[in-house]
Amino acid sequence: DRARTLINLVSEWAAQHEHAELMADCLLARGPIETGSADGAEIADRAEQVLRLLSPADTSRRVQLATWAAHHRLSIGDRDQAVRAIDQVYEQAASTELPVWRSLVLLTRAQAEFAVDGSPRNARQRCDELRAWFELTRDESAEAGSAVLELALGCHDGTLGDVERARDAVARAALASPRSDLPWIPKG
Protein backbone atom coordinates (compact mmCIF):
# COMPACT_ATOMS: atom_id res chain seq x y z
CA ASP A 1 0.00 0.00 0.00
CA ARG A 2 2.87 2.39 0.70
CA ALA A 3 4.25 1.87 -2.81
CA ARG A 4 0.82 2.54 -4.33
CA THR A 5 0.48 5.71 -2.25
CA LEU A 6 3.90 6.92 -3.36
CA ILE A 7 3.15 6.18 -7.02
CA ASN A 8 -0.15 8.05 -6.71
CA LEU A 9 1.54 11.10 -5.18
CA VAL A 10 4.26 11.19 -7.83
CA SER A 11 1.65 10.65 -10.55
CA GLU A 12 -0.44 13.59 -9.30
CA TRP A 13 2.65 15.83 -9.19
CA ALA A 14 3.67 14.74 -12.71
CA ALA A 15 0.18 15.48 -14.06
CA GLN A 16 0.07 18.92 -12.40
CA HIS A 17 3.46 19.78 -13.90
CA GLU A 18 2.72 18.11 -17.26
CA HIS A 19 5.81 15.94 -16.95
CA ALA A 20 5.02 13.33 -19.61
CA GLU A 21 8.00 11.06 -18.92
CA LEU A 22 7.24 10.84 -15.20
CA MET A 23 3.53 10.30 -15.94
CA ALA A 24 4.51 7.41 -18.21
CA ASP A 25 6.86 5.93 -15.61
CA CYS A 26 4.11 6.06 -12.99
CA LEU A 27 1.62 4.33 -15.28
CA LEU A 28 4.14 1.62 -16.09
CA ALA A 29 5.10 1.21 -12.42
CA ARG A 30 1.47 0.39 -11.69
CA GLY A 31 1.65 -2.57 -14.07
CA PRO A 32 1.93 -5.34 -11.48
CA ILE A 33 -0.97 -3.96 -9.45
CA GLU A 34 -3.26 -3.09 -12.37
CA THR A 35 -2.94 -6.22 -14.49
CA GLY A 36 -6.41 -7.65 -14.88
CA SER A 37 -8.03 -4.55 -13.39
CA ALA A 38 -11.74 -3.97 -13.89
CA ASP A 39 -10.80 -0.42 -14.89
CA GLY A 40 -9.20 -1.50 -18.17
CA ALA A 41 -10.79 1.20 -20.33
CA GLU A 42 -9.76 3.98 -17.94
CA ILE A 43 -6.20 2.66 -17.68
CA ALA A 44 -5.94 2.37 -21.48
CA ASP A 45 -7.33 5.90 -21.91
CA ARG A 46 -4.70 7.29 -19.49
CA ALA A 47 -1.90 5.40 -21.23
CA GLU A 48 -3.01 6.64 -24.66
CA GLN A 49 -3.30 10.21 -23.35
CA VAL A 50 0.25 10.13 -21.98
CA LEU A 51 1.46 8.45 -25.18
CA ARG A 52 0.29 11.52 -27.13
CA LEU A 53 2.29 13.79 -24.79
CA LEU A 54 5.57 11.91 -25.05
CA SER A 55 8.34 12.92 -27.40
CA PRO A 56 8.30 10.88 -30.61
CA ALA A 57 11.95 10.03 -29.86
CA ASP A 58 11.06 8.27 -26.57
CA THR A 59 10.80 4.79 -28.07
CA SER A 60 11.03 2.84 -24.83
CA ARG A 61 8.19 4.60 -23.05
CA ARG A 62 6.05 4.92 -26.19
CA VAL A 63 6.22 1.21 -27.01
CA GLN A 64 5.61 0.17 -23.41
CA LEU A 65 2.62 2.53 -23.04
CA ALA A 66 1.09 1.47 -26.35
CA THR A 67 1.37 -2.22 -25.49
CA TRP A 68 0.06 -1.53 -21.98
CA ALA A 69 -2.94 0.29 -23.45
CA ALA A 70 -3.46 -2.56 -25.93
CA HIS A 71 -3.30 -5.12 -23.10
CA HIS A 72 -6.10 -3.32 -21.27
CA ARG A 73 -8.14 -2.87 -24.45
CA LEU A 74 -7.87 -6.61 -25.08
CA SER A 75 -8.85 -7.38 -21.48
CA ILE A 76 -12.17 -5.60 -22.04
CA GLY A 77 -12.72 -7.13 -25.48
CA ASP A 78 -11.83 -4.11 -27.60
CA ARG A 79 -9.54 -5.71 -30.18
CA ASP A 80 -9.83 -2.88 -32.73
CA GLN A 81 -8.67 -0.21 -30.26
CA ALA A 82 -5.87 -2.52 -29.09
CA VAL A 83 -4.61 -2.93 -32.65
CA ARG A 84 -4.80 0.85 -33.19
CA ALA A 85 -2.69 1.42 -30.07
CA ILE A 86 -0.04 -0.99 -31.35
CA ASP A 87 -0.11 0.42 -34.86
CA GLN A 88 0.85 3.84 -33.43
CA VAL A 89 4.30 2.55 -32.47
CA TYR A 90 4.94 -0.32 -34.89
CA GLU A 91 7.22 1.60 -37.26
CA GLN A 92 9.09 3.18 -34.37
CA ALA A 93 9.65 -0.20 -32.73
CA ALA A 94 10.75 -1.72 -36.03
CA SER A 95 13.36 0.96 -36.63
CA THR A 96 15.07 0.89 -33.24
CA GLU A 97 18.38 -0.82 -32.58
CA LEU A 98 16.95 -2.74 -29.62
CA PRO A 99 15.02 -5.80 -30.82
CA VAL A 100 13.02 -6.04 -27.58
CA TRP A 101 10.69 -3.18 -28.60
CA ARG A 102 9.75 -4.83 -31.89
CA SER A 103 9.38 -8.14 -30.05
CA LEU A 104 6.92 -6.55 -27.63
CA VAL A 105 4.88 -5.03 -30.46
CA LEU A 106 4.83 -8.28 -32.46
CA LEU A 107 3.81 -10.25 -29.37
CA THR A 108 0.98 -7.86 -28.57
CA ARG A 109 -0.23 -7.94 -32.19
CA ALA A 110 -0.29 -11.73 -31.99
CA GLN A 111 -2.18 -11.64 -28.69
CA ALA A 112 -4.80 -9.48 -30.38
CA GLU A 113 -5.38 -12.27 -32.91
CA PHE A 114 -5.96 -14.73 -30.07
CA ALA A 115 -8.48 -12.38 -28.48
CA VAL A 116 -11.99 -11.27 -29.25
CA ASP A 117 -12.85 -11.59 -32.95
CA GLY A 118 -9.33 -12.68 -33.81
CA SER A 119 -8.60 -15.09 -36.61
CA PRO A 120 -6.79 -18.41 -35.97
CA ARG A 121 -5.10 -18.05 -39.36
CA ASN A 122 -3.92 -14.55 -38.49
CA ALA A 123 -2.84 -15.76 -35.05
CA ARG A 124 -0.64 -18.38 -36.73
CA GLN A 125 0.77 -15.75 -39.11
CA ARG A 126 1.57 -13.35 -36.24
CA CYS A 127 3.17 -16.17 -34.26
CA ASP A 128 5.29 -17.08 -37.28
CA GLU A 129 6.36 -13.42 -37.62
CA LEU A 130 7.45 -13.38 -33.99
CA ARG A 131 9.32 -16.67 -34.38
CA ALA A 132 11.09 -15.33 -37.50
CA TRP A 133 12.04 -12.19 -35.57
CA PHE A 134 13.54 -14.37 -32.84
CA GLU A 135 15.48 -16.41 -35.41
CA LEU A 136 16.87 -13.16 -36.85
CA THR A 137 17.68 -11.38 -33.56
CA ARG A 138 17.86 -14.10 -30.89
CA ASP A 139 15.89 -11.73 -28.66
CA GLU A 140 14.76 -13.55 -25.50
CA SER A 141 11.42 -11.73 -25.41
CA ALA A 142 10.59 -12.92 -28.92
CA GLU A 143 11.63 -16.46 -28.04
CA ALA A 144 9.51 -16.60 -24.88
CA GLY A 145 6.54 -14.91 -26.55
CA SER A 146 6.55 -17.16 -29.59
CA ALA A 147 6.91 -20.25 -27.38
CA VAL A 148 3.87 -19.29 -25.31
CA LEU A 149 1.88 -18.49 -28.46
CA GLU A 150 2.88 -21.82 -30.00
CA LEU A 151 1.59 -23.53 -26.86
CA ALA A 152 -1.73 -21.71 -27.18
CA LEU A 153 -1.97 -22.63 -30.87
CA GLY A 154 -1.07 -26.23 -30.09
CA CYS A 155 -3.80 -26.43 -27.47
CA HIS A 156 -6.29 -24.85 -29.85
CA ASP A 157 -5.80 -26.91 -32.98
CA GLY A 158 -2.62 -28.95 -32.70
CA THR A 159 -1.73 -32.50 -31.83
CA LEU A 160 -0.48 -33.74 -28.49
CA GLY A 161 2.99 -33.74 -30.06
CA ASP A 162 2.58 -30.05 -30.98
CA VAL A 163 1.61 -29.25 -27.41
CA GLU A 164 4.55 -31.23 -26.01
CA ARG A 165 7.05 -29.48 -28.32
CA ALA A 166 5.59 -26.08 -27.45
CA ARG A 167 5.66 -26.88 -23.73
CA ASP A 168 9.34 -27.83 -24.03
CA ALA A 169 10.06 -24.59 -25.93
CA VAL A 170 8.41 -22.58 -23.14
CA ALA A 171 10.53 -24.41 -20.56
CA ARG A 172 13.72 -23.74 -22.56
CA ALA A 173 12.85 -20.06 -22.87
CA ALA A 174 12.20 -19.84 -19.12
CA LEU A 175 15.52 -21.49 -18.31
CA ALA A 176 17.39 -19.16 -20.65
CA SER A 177 15.69 -16.03 -19.37
CA PRO A 178 17.48 -13.77 -16.93
CA ARG A 179 14.11 -12.73 -15.52
CA SER A 180 13.40 -13.87 -12.00
CA ASP A 181 9.63 -13.53 -12.40
CA LEU A 182 9.23 -16.66 -14.55
CA PRO A 183 9.28 -19.44 -11.92
CA TRP A 184 5.71 -20.40 -12.76
CA ILE A 185 6.83 -21.73 -16.16
CA PRO A 186 7.37 -25.50 -16.12
CA LYS A 187 11.03 -26.48 -16.32
CA GLY A 188 10.53 -29.57 -18.45
C-alpha atoms as a PDB file:
ATOM      1  CA  ASP A   1       0.000   0.000   0.000  1.00  0.00           C
ATOM      2  CA  ARG A   2       2.872   2.395   0.696  1.00  0.00           C
ATOM      3  CA  ALA A   3       4.246   1.875  -2.813  1.00  0.00           C
ATOM      4  CA  ARG A   4       0.824   2.537  -4.329  1.00  0.00           C
ATOM      5  CA  THR A   5       0.481   5.711  -2.252  1.00  0.00           C
ATOM      6  CA  LEU A   6       3.898   6.916  -3.356  1.00  0.00           C
ATOM      7  CA  ILE A   7       3.150   6.181  -7.022  1.00  0.00           C
ATOM      8  CA  ASN A   8      -0.154   8.052  -6.708  1.00  0.00           C
ATOM      9  CA  LEU A   9       1.539  11.102  -5.176  1.00  0.00           C
ATOM     10  CA  VAL A  10       4.259  11.189  -7.829  1.00  0.00           C
ATOM     11  CA  SER A  11       1.650  10.655 -10.546  1.00  0.00           C
ATOM     12  CA  GLU A  12      -0.437  13.589  -9.301  1.00  0.00           C
ATOM     13  CA  TRP A  13       2.655  15.831  -9.188  1.00  0.00           C
ATOM     14  CA  ALA A  14       3.673  14.741 -12.708  1.00  0.00           C
ATOM     15  CA  ALA A  15       0.183  15.477 -14.062  1.00  0.00           C
ATOM     16  CA  GLN A  16       0.071  18.915 -12.399  1.00  0.00           C
ATOM     17  CA  HIS A  17       3.462  19.778 -13.900  1.00  0.00           C
ATOM     18  CA  GLU A  18       2.719  18.109 -17.256  1.00  0.00           C
ATOM     19  CA  HIS A  19       5.815  15.942 -16.950  1.00  0.00           C
ATOM     20  CA  ALA A  20       5.016  13.328 -19.609  1.00  0.00           C
ATOM     21  CA  GLU A  21       8.005  11.059 -18.919  1.00  0.00           C
ATOM     22  CA  LEU A  22       7.237  10.835 -15.204  1.00  0.00           C
ATOM     23  CA  MET A  23       3.534  10.303 -15.935  1.00  0.00           C
ATOM     24  CA  ALA A  24       4.508   7.411 -18.213  1.00  0.00           C
ATOM     25  CA  ASP A  25       6.864   5.933 -15.610  1.00  0.00           C
ATOM     26  CA  CYS A  26       4.110   6.056 -12.985  1.00  0.00           C
ATOM     27  CA  LEU A  27       1.620   4.333 -15.281  1.00  0.00           C
ATOM     28  CA  LEU A  28       4.142   1.617 -16.087  1.00  0.00           C
ATOM     29  CA  ALA A  29       5.101   1.214 -12.419  1.00  0.00           C
ATOM     30  CA  ARG A  30       1.466   0.389 -11.686  1.00  0.00           C
ATOM     31  CA  GLY A  31       1.654  -2.574 -14.074  1.00  0.00           C
ATOM     32  CA  PRO A  32       1.929  -5.340 -11.480  1.00  0.00           C
ATOM     33  CA  ILE A  33      -0.968  -3.962  -9.447  1.00  0.00           C
ATOM     34  CA  GLU A  34      -3.255  -3.090 -12.369  1.00  0.00           C
ATOM     35  CA  THR A  35      -2.941  -6.218 -14.494  1.00  0.00           C
ATOM     36  CA  GLY A  36      -6.414  -7.651 -14.883  1.00  0.00           C
ATOM     37  CA  SER A  37      -8.034  -4.546 -13.393  1.00  0.00           C
ATOM     38  CA  ALA A  38     -11.743  -3.974 -13.886  1.00  0.00           C
ATOM     39  CA  ASP A  39     -10.795  -0.418 -14.890  1.00  0.00           C
ATOM     40  CA  GLY A  40      -9.204  -1.502 -18.169  1.00  0.00           C
ATOM     41  CA  ALA A  41     -10.787   1.202 -20.327  1.00  0.00           C
ATOM     42  CA  GLU A  42      -9.762   3.981 -17.939  1.00  0.00           C
ATOM     43  CA  ILE A  43      -6.196   2.656 -17.683  1.00  0.00           C
ATOM     44  CA  ALA A  44      -5.937   2.372 -21.478  1.00  0.00           C
ATOM     45  CA  ASP A  45      -7.329   5.899 -21.906  1.00  0.00           C
ATOM     46  CA  ARG A  46      -4.705   7.291 -19.494  1.00  0.00           C
ATOM     47  CA  ALA A  47      -1.901   5.400 -21.230  1.00  0.00           C
ATOM     48  CA  GLU A  48      -3.010   6.644 -24.658  1.00  0.00           C
ATOM     49  CA  GLN A  49      -3.301  10.213 -23.352  1.00  0.00           C
ATOM     50  CA  VAL A  50       0.254  10.134 -21.981  1.00  0.00           C
ATOM     51  CA  LEU A  51       1.458   8.452 -25.178  1.00  0.00           C
ATOM     52  CA  ARG A  52       0.288  11.520 -27.130  1.00  0.00           C
ATOM     53  CA  LEU A  53       2.287  13.785 -24.787  1.00  0.00           C
ATOM     54  CA  LEU A  54       5.570  11.906 -25.046  1.00  0.00           C
ATOM     55  CA  SER A  55       8.335  12.919 -27.396  1.00  0.00           C
ATOM     56  CA  PRO A  56       8.301  10.880 -30.608  1.00  0.00           C
ATOM     57  CA  ALA A  57      11.946  10.027 -29.863  1.00  0.00           C
ATOM     58  CA  ASP A  58      11.064   8.271 -26.571  1.00  0.00           C
ATOM     59  CA  THR A  59      10.805   4.791 -28.067  1.00  0.00           C
ATOM     60  CA  SER A  60      11.032   2.845 -24.826  1.00  0.00           C
ATOM     61  CA  ARG A  61       8.190   4.595 -23.054  1.00  0.00           C
ATOM     62  CA  ARG A  62       6.047   4.919 -26.192  1.00  0.00           C
ATOM     63  CA  VAL A  63       6.218   1.211 -27.006  1.00  0.00           C
ATOM     64  CA  GLN A  64       5.609   0.174 -23.413  1.00  0.00           C
ATOM     65  CA  LEU A  65       2.621   2.526 -23.040  1.00  0.00           C
ATOM     66  CA  ALA A  66       1.089   1.474 -26.349  1.00  0.00           C
ATOM     67  CA  THR A  67       1.375  -2.218 -25.495  1.00  0.00           C
ATOM     68  CA  TRP A  68       0.063  -1.526 -21.977  1.00  0.00           C
ATOM     69  CA  ALA A  69      -2.939   0.294 -23.452  1.00  0.00           C
ATOM     70  CA  ALA A  70      -3.458  -2.559 -25.926  1.00  0.00           C
ATOM     71  CA  HIS A  71      -3.300  -5.121 -23.098  1.00  0.00           C
ATOM     72  CA  HIS A  72      -6.100  -3.325 -21.270  1.00  0.00           C
ATOM     73  CA  ARG A  73      -8.136  -2.868 -24.451  1.00  0.00           C
ATOM     74  CA  LEU A  74      -7.867  -6.605 -25.075  1.00  0.00           C
ATOM     75  CA  SER A  75      -8.852  -7.376 -21.479  1.00  0.00           C
ATOM     76  CA  ILE A  76     -12.175  -5.598 -22.040  1.00  0.00           C
ATOM     77  CA  GLY A  77     -12.724  -7.134 -25.479  1.00  0.00           C
ATOM     78  CA  ASP A  78     -11.829  -4.105 -27.596  1.00  0.00           C
ATOM     79  CA  ARG A  79      -9.540  -5.709 -30.176  1.00  0.00           C
ATOM     80  CA  ASP A  80      -9.830  -2.883 -32.728  1.00  0.00           C
ATOM     81  CA  GLN A  81      -8.666  -0.209 -30.265  1.00  0.00           C
ATOM     82  CA  ALA A  82      -5.866  -2.516 -29.090  1.00  0.00           C
ATOM     83  CA  VAL A  83      -4.607  -2.932 -32.647  1.00  0.00           C
ATOM     84  CA  ARG A  84      -4.796   0.847 -33.194  1.00  0.00           C
ATOM     85  CA  ALA A  85      -2.685   1.422 -30.069  1.00  0.00           C
ATOM     86  CA  ILE A  86      -0.036  -0.990 -31.347  1.00  0.00           C
ATOM     87  CA  ASP A  87      -0.107   0.423 -34.863  1.00  0.00           C
ATOM     88  CA  GLN A  88       0.848   3.841 -33.428  1.00  0.00           C
ATOM     89  CA  VAL A  89       4.299   2.547 -32.471  1.00  0.00           C
ATOM     90  CA  TYR A  90       4.937  -0.324 -34.890  1.00  0.00           C
ATOM     91  CA  GLU A  91       7.219   1.602 -37.263  1.00  0.00           C
ATOM     92  CA  GLN A  92       9.087   3.177 -34.373  1.00  0.00           C
ATOM     93  CA  ALA A  93       9.651  -0.199 -32.726  1.00  0.00           C
ATOM     94  CA  ALA A  94      10.746  -1.722 -36.027  1.00  0.00           C
ATOM     95  CA  SER A  95      13.357   0.957 -36.628  1.00  0.00           C
ATOM     96  CA  THR A  96      15.074   0.895 -33.240  1.00  0.00           C
ATOM     97  CA  GLU A  97      18.383  -0.824 -32.583  1.00  0.00           C
ATOM     98  CA  LEU A  98      16.949  -2.742 -29.624  1.00  0.00           C
ATOM     99  CA  PRO A  99      15.018  -5.805 -30.815  1.00  0.00           C
ATOM    100  CA  VAL A 100      13.020  -6.042 -27.578  1.00  0.00           C
ATOM    101  CA  TRP A 101      10.689  -3.185 -28.599  1.00  0.00           C
ATOM    102  CA  ARG A 102       9.746  -4.832 -31.889  1.00  0.00           C
ATOM    103  CA  SER A 103       9.377  -8.143 -30.050  1.00  0.00           C
ATOM    104  CA  LEU A 104       6.916  -6.554 -27.635  1.00  0.00           C
ATOM    105  CA  VAL A 105       4.878  -5.029 -30.461  1.00  0.00           C
ATOM    106  CA  LEU A 106       4.828  -8.279 -32.462  1.00  0.00           C
ATOM    107  CA  LEU A 107       3.813 -10.249 -29.375  1.00  0.00           C
ATOM    108  CA  THR A 108       0.983  -7.860 -28.569  1.00  0.00           C
ATOM    109  CA  ARG A 109      -0.230  -7.938 -32.192  1.00  0.00           C
ATOM    110  CA  ALA A 110      -0.286 -11.733 -31.990  1.00  0.00           C
ATOM    111  CA  GLN A 111      -2.181 -11.635 -28.693  1.00  0.00           C
ATOM    112  CA  ALA A 112      -4.799  -9.484 -30.382  1.00  0.00           C
ATOM    113  CA  GLU A 113      -5.381 -12.274 -32.908  1.00  0.00           C
ATOM    114  CA  PHE A 114      -5.963 -14.732 -30.070  1.00  0.00           C
ATOM    115  CA  ALA A 115      -8.478 -12.376 -28.485  1.00  0.00           C
ATOM    116  CA  VAL A 116     -11.987 -11.275 -29.253  1.00  0.00           C
ATOM    117  CA  ASP A 117     -12.853 -11.589 -32.949  1.00  0.00           C
ATOM    118  CA  GLY A 118      -9.326 -12.682 -33.812  1.00  0.00           C
ATOM    119  CA  SER A 119      -8.602 -15.092 -36.609  1.00  0.00           C
ATOM    120  CA  PRO A 120      -6.793 -18.412 -35.966  1.00  0.00           C
ATOM    121  CA  ARG A 121      -5.103 -18.046 -39.360  1.00  0.00           C
ATOM    122  CA  ASN A 122      -3.921 -14.552 -38.494  1.00  0.00           C
ATOM    123  CA  ALA A 123      -2.837 -15.756 -35.053  1.00  0.00           C
ATOM    124  CA  ARG A 124      -0.638 -18.378 -36.730  1.00  0.00           C
ATOM    125  CA  GLN A 125       0.774 -15.749 -39.107  1.00  0.00           C
ATOM    126  CA  ARG A 126       1.567 -13.355 -36.242  1.00  0.00           C
ATOM    127  CA  CYS A 127       3.169 -16.172 -34.262  1.00  0.00           C
ATOM    128  CA  ASP A 128       5.294 -17.077 -37.283  1.00  0.00           C
ATOM    129  CA  GLU A 129       6.359 -13.421 -37.622  1.00  0.00           C
ATOM    130  CA  LEU A 130       7.451 -13.376 -33.992  1.00  0.00           C
ATOM    131  CA  ARG A 131       9.323 -16.670 -34.376  1.00  0.00           C
ATOM    132  CA  ALA A 132      11.086 -15.327 -37.502  1.00  0.00           C
ATOM    133  CA  TRP A 133      12.041 -12.194 -35.568  1.00  0.00           C
ATOM    134  CA  PHE A 134      13.538 -14.371 -32.843  1.00  0.00           C
ATOM    135  CA  GLU A 135      15.481 -16.410 -35.413  1.00  0.00           C
ATOM    136  CA  LEU A 136      16.871 -13.162 -36.847  1.00  0.00           C
ATOM    137  CA  THR A 137      17.681 -11.376 -33.558  1.00  0.00           C
ATOM    138  CA  ARG A 138      17.857 -14.099 -30.886  1.00  0.00           C
ATOM    139  CA  ASP A 139      15.887 -11.730 -28.656  1.00  0.00           C
ATOM    140  CA  GLU A 140      14.758 -13.553 -25.500  1.00  0.00           C
ATOM    141  CA  SER A 141      11.422 -11.726 -25.414  1.00  0.00           C
ATOM    142  CA  ALA A 142      10.590 -12.915 -28.923  1.00  0.00           C
ATOM    143  CA  GLU A 143      11.629 -16.457 -28.039  1.00  0.00           C
ATOM    144  CA  ALA A 144       9.514 -16.604 -24.883  1.00  0.00           C
ATOM    145  CA  GLY A 145       6.544 -14.906 -26.546  1.00  0.00           C
ATOM    146  CA  SER A 146       6.547 -17.161 -29.586  1.00  0.00           C
ATOM    147  CA  ALA A 147       6.914 -20.248 -27.380  1.00  0.00           C
ATOM    148  CA  VAL A 148       3.870 -19.287 -25.308  1.00  0.00           C
ATOM    149  CA  LEU A 149       1.882 -18.487 -28.463  1.00  0.00           C
ATOM    150  CA  GLU A 150       2.880 -21.821 -29.999  1.00  0.00           C
ATOM    151  CA  LEU A 151       1.590 -23.530 -26.865  1.00  0.00           C
ATOM    152  CA  ALA A 152      -1.733 -21.712 -27.181  1.00  0.00           C
ATOM    153  CA  LEU A 153      -1.972 -22.633 -30.868  1.00  0.00           C
ATOM    154  CA  GLY A 154      -1.067 -26.232 -30.093  1.00  0.00           C
ATOM    155  CA  CYS A 155      -3.800 -26.426 -27.471  1.00  0.00           C
ATOM    156  CA  HIS A 156      -6.292 -24.854 -29.850  1.00  0.00           C
ATOM    157  CA  ASP A 157      -5.802 -26.908 -32.985  1.00  0.00           C
ATOM    158  CA  GLY A 158      -2.623 -28.945 -32.702  1.00  0.00           C
ATOM    159  CA  THR A 159      -1.730 -32.496 -31.831  1.00  0.00           C
ATOM    160  CA  LEU A 160      -0.479 -33.743 -28.494  1.00  0.00           C
ATOM    161  CA  GLY A 161       2.993 -33.741 -30.062  1.00  0.00           C
ATOM    162  CA  ASP A 162       2.584 -30.047 -30.983  1.00  0.00           C
ATOM    163  CA  VAL A 163       1.608 -29.251 -27.410  1.00  0.00           C
ATOM    164  CA  GLU A 164       4.546 -31.229 -26.015  1.00  0.00           C
ATOM    165  CA  ARG A 165       7.045 -29.483 -28.324  1.00  0.00           C
ATOM    166  CA  ALA A 166       5.585 -26.084 -27.453  1.00  0.00           C
ATOM    167  CA  ARG A 167       5.665 -26.876 -23.728  1.00  0.00           C
ATOM    168  CA  ASP A 168       9.342 -27.826 -24.035  1.00  0.00           C
ATOM    169  CA  ALA A 169      10.059 -24.589 -25.932  1.00  0.00           C
ATOM    170  CA  VAL A 170       8.409 -22.576 -23.143  1.00  0.00           C
ATOM    171  CA  ALA A 171      10.526 -24.413 -20.560  1.00  0.00           C
ATOM    172  CA  ARG A 172      13.725 -23.742 -22.559  1.00  0.00           C
ATOM    173  CA  ALA A 173      12.845 -20.062 -22.869  1.00  0.00           C
ATOM    174  CA  ALA A 174      12.204 -19.837 -19.123  1.00  0.00           C
ATOM    175  CA  LEU A 175      15.524 -21.489 -18.313  1.00  0.00           C
ATOM    176  CA  ALA A 176      17.391 -19.155 -20.655  1.00  0.00           C
ATOM    177  CA  SER A 177      15.685 -16.033 -19.366  1.00  0.00           C
ATOM    178  CA  PRO A 178      17.479 -13.766 -16.934  1.00  0.00           C
ATOM    179  CA  ARG A 179      14.112 -12.733 -15.517  1.00  0.00           C
ATOM    180  CA  SER A 180      13.398 -13.872 -12.001  1.00  0.00           C
ATOM    181  CA  ASP A 181       9.626 -13.528 -12.403  1.00  0.00           C
ATOM    182  CA  LEU A 182       9.228 -16.661 -14.549  1.00  0.00           C
ATOM    183  CA  PRO A 183       9.283 -19.436 -11.920  1.00  0.00           C
ATOM    184  CA  TRP A 184       5.711 -20.401 -12.759  1.00  0.00           C
ATOM    185  CA  ILE A 185       6.827 -21.727 -16.157  1.00  0.00           C
ATOM    186  CA  PRO A 186       7.369 -25.502 -16.116  1.00  0.00           C
ATOM    187  CA  LYS A 187      11.025 -26.484 -16.324  1.00  0.00           C
ATOM    188  CA  GLY A 188      10.528 -29.566 -18.448  1.00  0.00           C
END
